[in-house]
Amino acid sequence: MTSRFLTLADVAETLNISASQTYALVRSGDLPAIKIGGRGQWRVEASALEEFIARKYEQTREFVQTHSFGAEDDAAID
């Protein structure tokens, strides 16, 4: 059974980013999370992480469609 809630470390590992980047996403409100327990530990619902990822795919798709890339940009990818 998959856990409903993930730690910020779990989220960081899933997204392959640092813990501080994950914390910044939560603090900015970009990634919904809850603060629980006496020590105020952050938890991200697995479904919220999946929605965040889907939102980022859509934002990236829109960015690519609205920003033309030149030949020098394409060459940098190769």
PDB file of N, CA and C in Angstrom:
ATOM      1  N   MET A   1       0.835  -1.180   0.000  1.00  0.00           N
ATOM      2  CA  MET A   1       0.000   0.000   0.000  1.00  0.00           C
ATOM      3  C   MET A   1       0.883   1.247   0.000  1.00  0.00           C
ATOM      4  N   THR A   2       0.567   2.192  -0.853  1.00  0.00           N
ATOM      5  CA  THR A   2       1.298   3.444  -0.946  1.00  0.00           C
ATOM      6  C   THR A   2       0.791   4.409   0.115  1.00  0.00           C
ATOM      7  N   SER A   3       1.708   5.138   0.735  1.00  0.00           N
ATOM      8  CA  SER A   3       1.328   6.122   1.747  1.00  0.00           C
ATOM      9  C   SER A   3       0.566   7.268   1.116  1.00  0.00           C
ATOM     10  N   ARG A   4      -0.413   7.767   1.835  1.00  0.00           N
ATOM     11  CA  ARG A   4      -1.181   8.908   1.361  1.00  0.00           C
ATOM     12  C   ARG A   4      -0.344  10.181   1.404  1.00  0.00           C
ATOM     13  N   PHE A   5       0.510  10.292   2.440  1.00  0.00           N
ATOM     14  CA  PHE A   5       1.308  11.491   2.626  1.00  0.00           C
ATOM     15  C   PHE A   5       2.792  11.190   2.480  1.00  0.00           C
ATOM     16  N   LEU A   6       3.512  12.155   1.932  1.00  0.00           N
ATOM     17  CA  LEU A   6       4.944  12.036   1.710  1.00  0.00           C
ATOM     18  C   LEU A   6       5.680  13.097   2.520  1.00  0.00           C
ATOM     19  N   THR A   7       6.872  12.767   2.978  1.00  0.00           N
ATOM     20  CA  THR A   7       7.722  13.760   3.620  1.00  0.00           C
ATOM     21  C   THR A   7       8.326  14.650   2.533  1.00  0.00           C
ATOM     22  N   LEU A   8       8.890  15.775   2.948  1.00  0.00           N
ATOM     23  CA  LEU A   8       9.559  16.640   1.972  1.00  0.00           C
ATOM     24  C   LEU A   8      10.764  15.926   1.366  1.00  0.00           C
ATOM     25  N   ALA A   9      11.406  15.061   2.147  1.00  0.00           N
ATOM     26  CA  ALA A   9      12.526  14.279   1.609  1.00  0.00           C
ATOM     27  C   ALA A   9      12.044  13.324   0.519  1.00  0.00           C
ATOM     28  N   ASP A  10      10.880  12.714   0.726  1.00  0.00           N
ATOM     29  CA  ASP A  10      10.300  11.826  -0.297  1.00  0.00           C
ATOM     30  C   ASP A  10       9.999  12.605  -1.576  1.00  0.00           C
ATOM     31  N   VAL A  11       9.422  13.781  -1.412  1.00  0.00           N
ATOM     32  CA  VAL A  11       9.079  14.626  -2.563  1.00  0.00           C
ATOM     33  C   VAL A  11      10.350  15.044  -3.297  1.00  0.00           C
ATOM     34  N   ALA A  12      11.365  15.447  -2.539  1.00  0.00           N
ATOM     35  CA  ALA A  12      12.633  15.857  -3.141  1.00  0.00           C
ATOM     36  C   ALA A  12      13.236  14.721  -3.961  1.00  0.00           C
ATOM     37  N   GLU A  13      13.183  13.524  -3.418  1.00  0.00           N
ATOM     38  CA  GLU A  13      13.722  12.366  -4.133  1.00  0.00           C
ATOM     39  C   GLU A  13      12.921  12.086  -5.401  1.00  0.00           C
ATOM     40  N   THR A  14      11.610  12.173  -5.305  1.00  0.00           N
ATOM     41  CA  THR A  14      10.748  11.921  -6.468  1.00  0.00           C
ATOM     42  C   THR A  14      11.022  12.917  -7.589  1.00  0.00           C
ATOM     43  N   LEU A  15      11.173  14.192  -7.222  1.00  0.00           N
ATOM     44  CA  LEU A  15      11.392  15.245  -8.220  1.00  0.00           C
ATOM     45  C   LEU A  15      12.867  15.420  -8.574  1.00  0.00           C
ATOM     46  N   ASN A  16      13.739  14.705  -7.865  1.00  0.00           N
ATOM     47  CA  ASN A  16      15.183  14.822  -8.066  1.00  0.00           C
ATOM     48  C   ASN A  16      15.655  16.268  -7.872  1.00  0.00           C
ATOM     49  N   ILE A  17      15.208  16.873  -6.767  1.00  0.00           N
ATOM     50  CA  ILE A  17      15.618  18.217  -6.388  1.00  0.00           C
ATOM     51  C   ILE A  17      16.078  18.175  -4.934  1.00  0.00           C
ATOM     52  N   SER A  18      16.623  19.277  -4.472  1.00  0.00           N
ATOM     53  CA  SER A  18      17.101  19.316  -3.089  1.00  0.00           C
ATOM     54  C   SER A  18      15.941  19.501  -2.114  1.00  0.00           C
ATOM     55  N   ALA A  19      16.217  19.195  -0.860  1.00  0.00           N
ATOM     56  CA  ALA A  19      15.207  19.393   0.182  1.00  0.00           C
ATOM     57  C   ALA A  19      14.857  20.862   0.312  1.00  0.00           C
ATOM     58  N   SER A  20      15.833  21.743   0.162  1.00  0.00           N
ATOM     59  CA  SER A  20      15.557  23.172   0.276  1.00  0.00           C
ATOM     60  C   SER A  20      14.685  23.669  -0.884  1.00  0.00           C
ATOM     61  N   GLN A  21      14.865  23.111  -2.064  1.00  0.00           N
ATOM     62  CA  GLN A  21      14.002  23.470  -3.194  1.00  0.00           C
ATOM     63  C   GLN A  21      12.574  23.005  -2.942  1.00  0.00           C
ATOM     64  N   THR A  22      12.434  21.821  -2.368  1.00  0.00           N
ATOM     65  CA  THR A  22      11.109  21.297  -2.035  1.00  0.00           C
ATOM     66  C   THR A  22      10.435  22.179  -1.005  1.00  0.00           C
ATOM     67  N   TYR A  23      11.171  22.566   0.015  1.00  0.00           N
ATOM     68  CA  TYR A  23      10.642  23.441   1.063  1.00  0.00           C
ATOM     69  C   TYR A  23      10.200  24.773   0.457  1.00  0.00           C
ATOM     70  N   ALA A  24      10.973  25.305  -0.463  1.00  0.00           N
ATOM     71  CA  ALA A  24      10.619  26.571  -1.119  1.00  0.00           C
ATOM     72  C   ALA A  24       9.321  26.429  -1.918  1.00  0.00           C
ATOM     73  N   LEU A  25       9.118  25.296  -2.583  1.00  0.00           N
ATOM     74  CA  LEU A  25       7.877  25.068  -3.329  1.00  0.00           C
ATOM     75  C   LEU A  25       6.673  25.058  -2.385  1.00  0.00           C
ATOM     76  N   VAL A  26       6.854  24.443  -1.218  1.00  0.00           N
ATOM     77  CA  VAL A  26       5.779  24.380  -0.234  1.00  0.00           C
ATOM     78  C   VAL A  26       5.512  25.761   0.348  1.00  0.00           C
ATOM     79  N   ARG A  27       6.565  26.455   0.752  1.00  0.00           N
ATOM     80  CA  ARG A  27       6.404  27.777   1.380  1.00  0.00           C
ATOM     81  C   ARG A  27       5.806  28.805   0.420  1.00  0.00           C
ATOM     82  N   SER A  28       6.086  28.664  -0.870  1.00  0.00           N
ATOM     83  CA  SER A  28       5.531  29.594  -1.859  1.00  0.00           C
ATOM     84  C   SER A  28       4.067  29.299  -2.167  1.00  0.00           C
ATOM     85  N   GLY A  29       3.609  28.103  -1.768  1.00  0.00           N
ATOM     86  CA  GLY A  29       2.236  27.709  -2.068  1.00  0.00           C
ATOM     87  C   GLY A  29       2.097  27.001  -3.404  1.00  0.00           C
ATOM     88  N   ASP A  30       3.199  26.862  -4.125  1.00  0.00           N
ATOM     89  CA  ASP A  30       3.158  26.194  -5.420  1.00  0.00           C
ATOM     90  C   ASP A  30       2.850  24.706  -5.274  1.00  0.00           C
ATOM     91  N   LEU A  31       3.322  24.122  -4.180  1.00  0.00           N
ATOM     92  CA  LEU A  31       3.068  22.709  -3.891  1.00  0.00           C
ATOM     93  C   LEU A  31       2.303  22.633  -2.574  1.00  0.00           C
ATOM     94  N   PRO A  32       1.022  22.297  -2.618  1.00  0.00           N
ATOM     95  CA  PRO A  32       0.212  22.245  -1.394  1.00  0.00           C
ATOM     96  C   PRO A  32       0.746  21.208  -0.406  1.00  0.00           C
ATOM     97  N   ALA A  33       0.758  21.580   0.866  1.00  0.00           N
ATOM     98  CA  ALA A  33       1.231  20.686   1.925  1.00  0.00           C
ATOM     99  C   ALA A  33       0.540  21.052   3.225  1.00  0.00           C
ATOM    100  N   ILE A  34       0.650  20.158   4.185  1.00  0.00           N
ATOM    101  CA  ILE A  34       0.124  20.430   5.522  1.00  0.00           C
ATOM    102  C   ILE A  34       1.264  20.329   6.517  1.00  0.00           C
ATOM    103  N   LYS A  35       1.116  21.048   7.610  1.00  0.00           N
ATOM    104  CA  LYS A  35       2.102  21.023   8.680  1.00  0.00           C
ATOM    105  C   LYS A  35       1.453  20.311   9.854  1.00  0.00           C
ATOM    106  N   ILE A  36       2.065  19.234  10.335  1.00  0.00           N
ATOM    107  CA  ILE A  36       1.452  18.419  11.384  1.00  0.00           C
ATOM    108  C   ILE A  36       2.445  18.135  12.504  1.00  0.00           C
ATOM    109  N   GLY A  37       1.906  17.725  13.627  1.00  0.00           N
ATOM    110  CA  GLY A  37       2.733  17.310  14.747  1.00  0.00           C
ATOM    111  C   GLY A  37       3.273  18.466  15.558  1.00  0.00           C
ATOM    112  N   GLY A  38       3.756  18.141  16.728  1.00  0.00           N
ATOM    113  CA  GLY A  38       4.290  19.137  17.641  1.00  0.00           C
ATOM    114  C   GLY A  38       5.502  19.864  17.097  1.00  0.00           C
ATOM    115  N   ARG A  39       6.264  19.190  16.264  1.00  0.00           N
ATOM    116  CA  ARG A  39       7.444  19.809  15.672  1.00  0.00           C
ATOM    117  C   ARG A  39       7.138  20.467  14.335  1.00  0.00           C
ATOM    118  N   GLY A  40       5.883  20.408  13.904  1.00  0.00           N
ATOM    119  CA  GLY A  40       5.467  21.054  12.658  1.00  0.00           C
ATOM    120  C   GLY A  40       6.139  20.502  11.427  1.00  0.00           C
ATOM    121  N   GLN A  41       6.061  19.202  11.257  1.00  0.00           N
ATOM    122  CA  GLN A  41       6.660  18.585  10.084  1.00  0.00           C
ATOM    123  C   GLN A  41       5.712  18.688   8.894  1.00  0.00           C
ATOM    124  N   TRP A  42       6.273  18.958   7.738  1.00  0.00           N
ATOM    125  CA  TRP A  42       5.488  19.115   6.520  1.00  0.00           C
ATOM    126  C   TRP A  42       5.208  17.767   5.887  1.00  0.00           C
ATOM    127  N   ARG A  43       3.987  17.639   5.331  1.00  0.00           N
ATOM    128  CA  ARG A  43       3.601  16.450   4.579  1.00  0.00           C
ATOM    129  C   ARG A  43       2.872  16.895   3.313  1.00  0.00           C
ATOM    130  N   VAL A  44       3.160  16.196   2.227  1.00  0.00           N
ATOM    131  CA  VAL A  44       2.535  16.471   0.935  1.00  0.00           C
ATOM    132  C   VAL A  44       1.705  15.261   0.560  1.00  0.00           C
ATOM    133  N   GLU A  45       0.455  15.485   0.241  1.00  0.00           N
ATOM    134  CA  GLU A  45      -0.398  14.378  -0.175  1.00  0.00           C
ATOM    135  C   GLU A  45       0.069  13.888  -1.549  1.00  0.00           C
ATOM    136  N   ALA A  46       0.136  12.587  -1.719  1.00  0.00           N
ATOM    137  CA  ALA A  46       0.628  12.003  -2.971  1.00  0.00           C
ATOM    138  C   ALA A  46      -0.159  12.523  -4.167  1.00  0.00           C
ATOM    139  N   SER A  47      -1.466  12.663  -4.018  1.00  0.00           N
ATOM    140  CA  SER A  47      -2.293  13.162  -5.132  1.00  0.00           C
ATOM    141  C   SER A  47      -1.955  14.627  -5.441  1.00  0.00           C
ATOM    142  N   ALA A  48      -1.602  15.407  -4.428  1.00  0.00           N
ATOM    143  CA  ALA A  48      -1.214  16.813  -4.652  1.00  0.00           C
ATOM    144  C   ALA A  48       0.096  16.882  -5.426  1.00  0.00           C
ATOM    145  N   LEU A  49       1.018  15.960  -5.135  1.00  0.00           N
ATOM    146  CA  LEU A  49       2.276  15.913  -5.878  1.00  0.00           C
ATOM    147  C   LEU A  49       2.007  15.561  -7.338  1.00  0.00           C
ATOM    148  N   GLU A  50       1.133  14.594  -7.584  1.00  0.00           N
ATOM    149  CA  GLU A  50       0.811  14.218  -8.961  1.00  0.00           C
ATOM    150  C   GLU A  50       0.150  15.382  -9.708  1.00  0.00           C
ATOM    151  N   GLU A  51      -0.727  16.124  -9.033  1.00  0.00           N
ATOM    152  CA  GLU A  51      -1.354  17.299  -9.648  1.00  0.00           C
ATOM    153  C   GLU A  51      -0.318  18.373  -9.946  1.00  0.00           C
ATOM    154  N   PHE A  52       0.629  18.567  -9.032  1.00  0.00           N
ATOM    155  CA  PHE A  52       1.717  19.528  -9.230  1.00  0.00           C
ATOM    156  C   PHE A  52       2.518  19.156 -10.474  1.00  0.00           C
ATOM    157  N   ILE A  53       2.873  17.884 -10.598  1.00  0.00           N
ATOM    158  CA  ILE A  53       3.646  17.423 -11.747  1.00  0.00           C
ATOM    159  C   ILE A  53       2.856  17.647 -13.041  1.00  0.00           C
ATOM    160  N   ALA A  54       1.579  17.321 -13.047  1.00  0.00           N
ATOM    161  CA  ALA A  54       0.738  17.526 -14.234  1.00  0.00           C
ATOM    162  C   ALA A  54       0.673  19.006 -14.597  1.00  0.00           C
ATOM    163  N   ARG A  55       0.554  19.863 -13.584  1.00  0.00           N
ATOM    164  CA  ARG A  55       0.522  21.317 -13.802  1.00  0.00           C
ATOM    165  C   ARG A  55       1.829  21.787 -14.420  1.00  0.00           C
ATOM    166  N   LYS A  56       2.938  21.266 -13.957  1.00  0.00           N
ATOM    167  CA  LYS A  56       4.246  21.656 -14.497  1.00  0.00           C
ATOM    168  C   LYS A  56       4.407  21.184 -15.943  1.00  0.00           C
ATOM    169  N   TYR A  57       3.896  19.993 -16.265  1.00  0.00           N
ATOM    170  CA  TYR A  57       3.926  19.534 -17.654  1.00  0.00           C
ATOM    171  C   TYR A  57       3.139  20.496 -18.541  1.00  0.00           C
ATOM    172  N   GLU A  58       1.962  20.909 -18.086  1.00  0.00           N
ATOM    173  CA  GLU A  58       1.133  21.825 -18.868  1.00  0.00           C
ATOM    174  C   GLU A  58       1.821  23.182 -19.032  1.00  0.00           C
ATOM    175  N   GLN A  59       2.399  23.704 -17.967  1.00  0.00           N
ATOM    176  CA  GLN A  59       3.112  24.978 -18.043  1.00  0.00           C
ATOM    177  C   GLN A  59       4.293  24.890 -19.004  1.00  0.00           C
ATOM    178  N   THR A  60       5.003  23.777 -18.982  1.00  0.00           N
ATOM    179  CA  THR A  60       6.134  23.587 -19.876  1.00  0.00           C
ATOM    180  C   THR A  60       5.659  23.498 -21.326  1.00  0.00           C
ATOM    181  N   ARG A  61       4.567  22.771 -21.544  1.00  0.00           N
ATOM    182  CA  ARG A  61       4.001  22.648 -22.891  1.00  0.00           C
ATOM    183  C   ARG A  61       3.618  24.027 -23.434  1.00  0.00           C
ATOM    184  N   GLU A  62       2.971  24.840 -22.602  1.00  0.00           N
ATOM    185  CA  GLU A  62       2.592  26.196 -23.017  1.00  0.00           C
ATOM    186  C   GLU A  62       3.813  27.056 -23.296  1.00  0.00           C
ATOM    187  N   PHE A  63       4.837  26.935 -22.469  1.00  0.00           N
ATOM    188  CA  PHE A  63       6.061  27.701 -22.672  1.00  0.00           C
ATOM    189  C   PHE A  63       6.704  27.354 -24.004  1.00  0.00           C
ATOM    190  N   VAL A  64       6.806  26.066 -24.292  1.00  0.00           N
ATOM    191  CA  VAL A  64       7.436  25.622 -25.531  1.00  0.00           C
ATOM    192  C   VAL A  64       6.644  26.108 -26.737  1.00  0.00           C
ATOM    193  N   GLN A  65       5.322  26.107 -26.644  1.00  0.00           N
ATOM    194  CA  GLN A  65       4.480  26.547 -27.764  1.00  0.00           C
ATOM    195  C   GLN A  65       4.579  28.045 -28.001  1.00  0.00           C
ATOM    196  N   THR A  66       4.828  28.821 -26.969  1.00  0.00           N
ATOM    197  CA  THR A  66       4.840  30.280 -27.118  1.00  0.00           C
ATOM    198  C   THR A  66       6.230  30.877 -27.272  1.00  0.00           C
ATOM    199  N   HIS A  67       7.267  30.091 -27.115  1.00  0.00           N
ATOM    200  CA  HIS A  67       8.634  30.580 -27.255  1.00  0.00           C
ATOM    201  C   HIS A  67       9.329  29.796 -28.351  1.00  0.00           C
ATOM    202  N   SER A  68       9.587  30.491 -29.461  1.00  0.00           N
ATOM    203  CA  SER A  68      10.266  29.790 -30.551  1.00  0.00           C
ATOM    204  C   SER A  68      11.743  29.672 -30.215  1.00  0.00           C
ATOM    205  N   PHE A  69      12.298  28.558 -30.591  1.00  0.00           N
ATOM    206  CA  PHE A  69      13.707  28.307 -30.352  1.00  0.00           C
ATOM    207  C   PHE A  69      14.441  28.422 -31.676  1.00  0.00           C
ATOM    208  N   GLY A  70      15.596  29.042 -31.641  1.00  0.00           N
ATOM    209  CA  GLY A  70      16.411  29.186 -32.845  1.00  0.00           C
ATOM    210  C   GLY A  70      17.276  27.971 -33.067  1.00  0.00           C
ATOM    211  N   ALA A  71      17.974  27.968 -34.172  1.00  0.00           N
ATOM    212  CA  ALA A  71      18.843  26.849 -34.528  1.00  0.00           C
ATOM    213  C   ALA A  71      19.934  26.660 -33.476  1.00  0.00           C
ATOM    214  N   GLU A  72      20.420  27.775 -32.899  1.00  0.00           N
ATOM    215  CA  GLU A  72      21.477  27.641 -31.894  1.00  0.00           C
ATOM    216  C   GLU A  72      20.949  26.955 -30.636  1.00  0.00           C
ATOM    217  N   ASP A  73      19.673  27.141 -30.306  1.00  0.00           N
ATOM    218  CA  ASP A  73      19.082  26.448 -29.161  1.00  0.00           C
ATOM    219  C   ASP A  73      18.953  24.965 -29.447  1.00  0.00           C
ATOM    220  N   ASP A  74      18.549  24.612 -30.658  1.00  0.00           N
ATOM    221  CA  ASP A  74      18.413  23.207 -31.031  1.00  0.00           C
ATOM    222  C   ASP A  74      19.771  22.521 -31.046  1.00  0.00           C
ATOM    223  N   ALA A  75      20.816  23.239 -31.499  1.00  0.00           N
ATOM    224  CA  ALA A  75      22.157  22.667 -31.553  1.00  0.00           C
ATOM    225  C   ALA A  75      22.683  22.376 -30.151  1.00  0.00           C
ATOM    226  N   ALA A  76      22.289  23.192 -29.179  1.00  0.00           N
ATOM    227  CA  ALA A  76      22.754  22.997 -27.795  1.00  0.00           C
ATOM    228  C   ALA A  76      22.187  21.712 -27.211  1.00  0.00           C
ATOM    229  N   ILE A  77      21.039  21.271 -27.700  1.00  0.00           N
ATOM    230  CA  ILE A  77      20.399  20.064 -27.193  1.00  0.00           C
ATOM    231  C   ILE A  77      21.107  18.821 -27.715  1.00  0.00           C
ATOM    232  N   ASP A  78      21.602  18.884 -28.963  1.00  0.00           N
ATOM    233  CA  ASP A  78      22.236  17.712 -29.589  1.00  0.00           C
ATOM    234  C   ASP A  78      23.496  17.314 -28.924  1.00  0.00           C
TER     235      ASP A  78
END
